[in-house]
Structures are given as C-alpha cells and as structure tokens.
C-alpha atoms as a PDB file:
ATOM      1  CA  MET A   1      30.755-215.996 -71.092  1.00  0.00           C
ATOM      2  CA  ARG A   2      29.437-213.844 -68.168  1.00  0.00           C
ATOM      3  CA  VAL A   3      31.926-212.175 -66.575  1.00  0.00           C
ATOM      4  CA  ASN A   4      30.896-211.145 -62.378  1.00  0.00           C
ATOM      5  CA  SER A   5      31.378-207.534 -61.297  1.00  0.00           C
ATOM      6  CA  GLU A   6      34.488-208.744 -59.254  1.00  0.00           C
ATOM      7  CA  GLN A   7      36.029-210.509 -61.941  1.00  0.00           C
ATOM      8  CA  LEU A   8      35.655-207.102 -63.832  1.00  0.00           C
ATOM      9  CA  ARG A   9      37.208-205.144 -60.886  1.00  0.00           C
ATOM     10  CA  LYS A  10      39.970-207.891 -61.101  1.00  0.00           C
ATOM     11  CA  ARG A  11      40.806-207.077 -64.581  1.00  0.00           C
ATOM     12  CA  VAL A  12      40.737-203.623 -64.118  1.00  0.00           C
ATOM     13  CA  SER A  13      43.078-203.007 -61.222  1.00  0.00           C
ATOM     14  CA  ASP A  14      45.399-205.794 -62.880  1.00  0.00           C
ATOM     15  CA  GLY A  15      45.478-203.316 -66.122  1.00  0.00           C
ATOM     16  CA  SER A  16      46.632-200.441 -63.680  1.00  0.00           C
ATOM     17  CA  ARG A  17      49.026-202.488 -61.852  1.00  0.00           C
ATOM     18  CA  THR A  18      50.717-203.026 -65.346  1.00  0.00           C
ATOM     19  CA  GLU A  19      50.066-199.450 -66.533  1.00  0.00           C
ATOM     20  CA  THR A  20      51.968-197.996 -63.057  1.00  0.00           C
ATOM     21  CA  ILE A  21      55.070-200.830 -63.868  1.00  0.00           C
ATOM     22  CA  LEU A  22      55.235-199.841 -67.366  1.00  0.00           C
ATOM     23  CA  SER A  23      54.930-196.197 -66.114  1.00  0.00           C
ATOM     24  CA  LYS A  24      58.109-196.724 -63.587  1.00  0.00           C
ATOM     25  CA  THR A  25      59.938-198.387 -66.236  1.00  0.00           C
ATOM     26  CA  LEU A  26      59.587-196.103 -68.792  1.00  0.00           C
ATOM     27  CA  ASP A  27      60.489-193.496 -65.915  1.00  0.00           C
ATOM     28  CA  GLU A  28      63.768-195.543 -65.457  1.00  0.00           C
ATOM     29  CA  VAL A  29      64.444-195.618 -69.087  1.00  0.00           C
ATOM     30  CA  ASP A  30      64.403-192.039 -69.297  1.00  0.00           C
ATOM     31  CA  ARG A  31      66.457-191.226 -66.534  1.00  0.00           C
ATOM     32  CA  ILE A  32      69.516-193.915 -67.918  1.00  0.00           C
ATOM     33  CA  ARG A  33      69.405-192.204 -71.000  1.00  0.00           C
ATOM     34  CA  LYS A  34      69.729-188.416 -69.260  1.00  0.00           C
ATOM     35  CA  ARG A  35      72.558-189.914 -67.430  1.00  0.00           C
ATOM     36  CA  GLN A  36      73.967-191.267 -71.087  1.00  0.00           C
ATOM     37  CA  THR A  37      73.315-187.866 -72.741  1.00  0.00           C
ATOM     38  CA  VAL A  38      74.842-186.153 -69.615  1.00  0.00           C
ATOM     39  CA  ALA A  39      78.150-188.331 -69.430  1.00  0.00           C
ATOM     40  CA  PHE A  40      78.337-188.034 -73.193  1.00  0.00           C
ATOM     41  CA  LEU A  41      78.493-184.145 -73.149  1.00  0.00           C
ATOM     42  CA  VAL A  42      80.348-183.208 -70.190  1.00  0.00           C
ATOM     43  CA  PRO A  43      83.980-184.807 -71.450  1.00  0.00           C
ATOM     44  CA  PHE A  44      82.854-183.351 -74.707  1.00  0.00           C
ATOM     45  CA  PHE A  45      82.582-179.601 -73.623  1.00  0.00           C
ATOM     46  CA  LEU A  46      85.991-180.479 -71.425  1.00  0.00           C
ATOM     47  CA  LEU A  47      88.133-181.851 -74.648  1.00  0.00           C
ATOM     48  CA  VAL A  48      86.656-178.626 -76.572  1.00  0.00           C
ATOM     49  CA  GLY A  49      87.953-176.570 -73.665  1.00  0.00           C
ATOM     50  CA  LEU A  50      91.501-178.591 -73.665  1.00  0.00           C
ATOM     51  CA  PHE A  51      91.975-177.571 -77.310  1.00  0.00           C
ATOM     52  CA  ILE A  52      90.997-174.283 -76.697  1.00  0.00           C
ATOM     53  CA  TRP A  53      93.603-174.031 -73.796  1.00  0.00           C
ATOM     54  CA  LEU A  54      95.898-175.579 -76.514  1.00  0.00           C
ATOM     55  CA  GLY A  55      95.708-173.024 -79.089  1.00  0.00           C
ATOM     56  CA  ARG A  56      96.092-170.422 -76.351  1.00  0.00           C
ATOM     57  CA  LEU A  57      99.148-172.291 -75.069  1.00  0.00           C
ATOM     58  CA  SER A  58     100.860-172.741 -78.721  1.00  0.00           C
ATOM     59  CA  GLU A  59     100.390-168.859 -79.121  1.00  0.00           C
ATOM     60  CA  SER A  60     102.043-167.685 -75.964  1.00  0.00           C
ATOM     61  CA  HIS A  61     105.447-166.778 -76.826  1.00  0.00           C
ATOM     62  CA  THR A  62     106.794-168.245 -73.216  1.00  0.00           C
ATOM     63  CA  THR A  63     106.049-171.816 -73.948  1.00  0.00           C
ATOM     64  CA  ASP A  64     109.151-173.626 -74.582  1.00  0.00           C
ATOM     65  CA  LEU A  65     108.675-176.660 -76.553  1.00  0.00           C
ATOM     66  CA  ARG A  66     108.732-179.315 -74.224  1.00  0.00           C
ATOM     67  CA  GLN A  67     105.683-177.727 -72.379  1.00  0.00           C
ATOM     68  CA  LEU A  68     103.935-177.607 -75.954  1.00  0.00           C
ATOM     69  CA  LEU A  69     104.399-181.302 -76.731  1.00  0.00           C
ATOM     70  CA  LEU A  70     103.503-181.998 -72.847  1.00  0.00           C
ATOM     71  CA  ALA A  71     100.218-180.303 -73.564  1.00  0.00           C
ATOM     72  CA  SER A  72      99.543-181.492 -76.779  1.00  0.00           C
ATOM     73  CA  VAL A  73     100.006-185.326 -75.540  1.00  0.00           C
ATOM     74  CA  PHE A  74      97.196-184.763 -72.521  1.00  0.00           C
ATOM     75  CA  VAL A  75      94.856-183.243 -74.989  1.00  0.00           C
ATOM     76  CA  LEU A  76      95.574-186.188 -77.316  1.00  0.00           C
ATOM     77  CA  GLU A  77      94.706-188.408 -74.527  1.00  0.00           C
ATOM     78  CA  TRP A  78      91.875-187.304 -73.654  1.00  0.00           C
ATOM     79  CA  ALA A  79      90.963-187.110 -77.226  1.00  0.00           C
ATOM     80  CA  MET A  80      90.873-190.627 -77.493  1.00  0.00           C
ATOM     81  CA  ALA A  81      89.235-191.258 -74.154  1.00  0.00           C
ATOM     82  CA  TYR A  82      86.676-189.589 -75.193  1.00  0.00           C
ATOM     83  CA  VAL A  83      86.360-190.899 -78.391  1.00  0.00           C
ATOM     84  CA  ALA A  84      86.369-194.681 -76.440  1.00  0.00           C
ATOM     85  CA  MET A  85      83.696-193.629 -74.317  1.00  0.00           C
ATOM     86  CA  ALA A  86      81.319-192.266 -77.407  1.00  0.00           C
ATOM     87  CA  ILE A  87      81.668-195.699 -79.283  1.00  0.00           C
ATOM     88  CA  ALA A  88      80.718-197.636 -76.096  1.00  0.00           C
ATOM     89  CA  ILE A  89      77.631-195.471 -75.648  1.00  0.00           C
ATOM     90  CA  VAL A  90      76.631-195.549 -79.287  1.00  0.00           C
ATOM     91  CA  ILE A  91      77.017-199.191 -78.951  1.00  0.00           C
ATOM     92  CA  ILE A  92      75.260-199.755 -75.951  1.00  0.00           C
ATOM     93  CA  ARG A  93      72.360-197.821 -76.762  1.00  0.00           C
ATOM     94  CA  MET A  94      72.091-199.642 -80.218  1.00  0.00           C
ATOM     95  CA  THR A  95      72.353-203.177 -78.372  1.00  0.00           C
ATOM     96  CA  LEU A  96      70.093-202.398 -75.467  1.00  0.00           C
ATOM     97  CA  LYS A  97      66.463-202.737 -76.244  1.00  0.00           C
ATOM     98  CA  PHE A  98      64.433-200.328 -73.866  1.00  0.00           C
END
C-alpha cells in the first residue's frame, strides 16, 4: 500500500493536532488538581489557627465559661465542615478518571 505525500502530511498534521489537544487536556487536569490542593490546604491551616486560638483563649484567665463554650462549638463546627470537605475531595479524586 503506497502512501502519497499529501496523505502523509495529513497524518502528521492529525498527530500534531491530537498532541495539542492532549497537552491542553493534561494542563487543565493539572490546574484542577492544584485548585483541589489549595481548596484542601487553606481550610486546614485555618483550622489549625482556630485550634491555636482556642488554646490561647482557654489559657486566658479573663475568659468566662460561656465564651469558651461558644468558641469550642465554633471550632468544632469548622472541624466537621473541614472533614466533610476533605472526604468529598478524596471521593472526587478517586472517582474521576483523568
């Protein structure tokens, strides 16, 4: 089977077009994963900061029990929201086929 030069050029251009599409898709996947990582890390550091704040609040002698209880509930709500978000991100990463 003989292939003329025009058919060969078409095959080469189809290959480079496919390579360009694949490259764009992989770049988009990388951007999505970076966003997911940032979406995971920012609330994590916020939660760590809240635990540090709660520790300092509990050590201060001027804080009454009601304020400490409200702060503890606030930190606990953030912790639960973070865990739910982290589980959602893990499930999304496991089920999506990039």
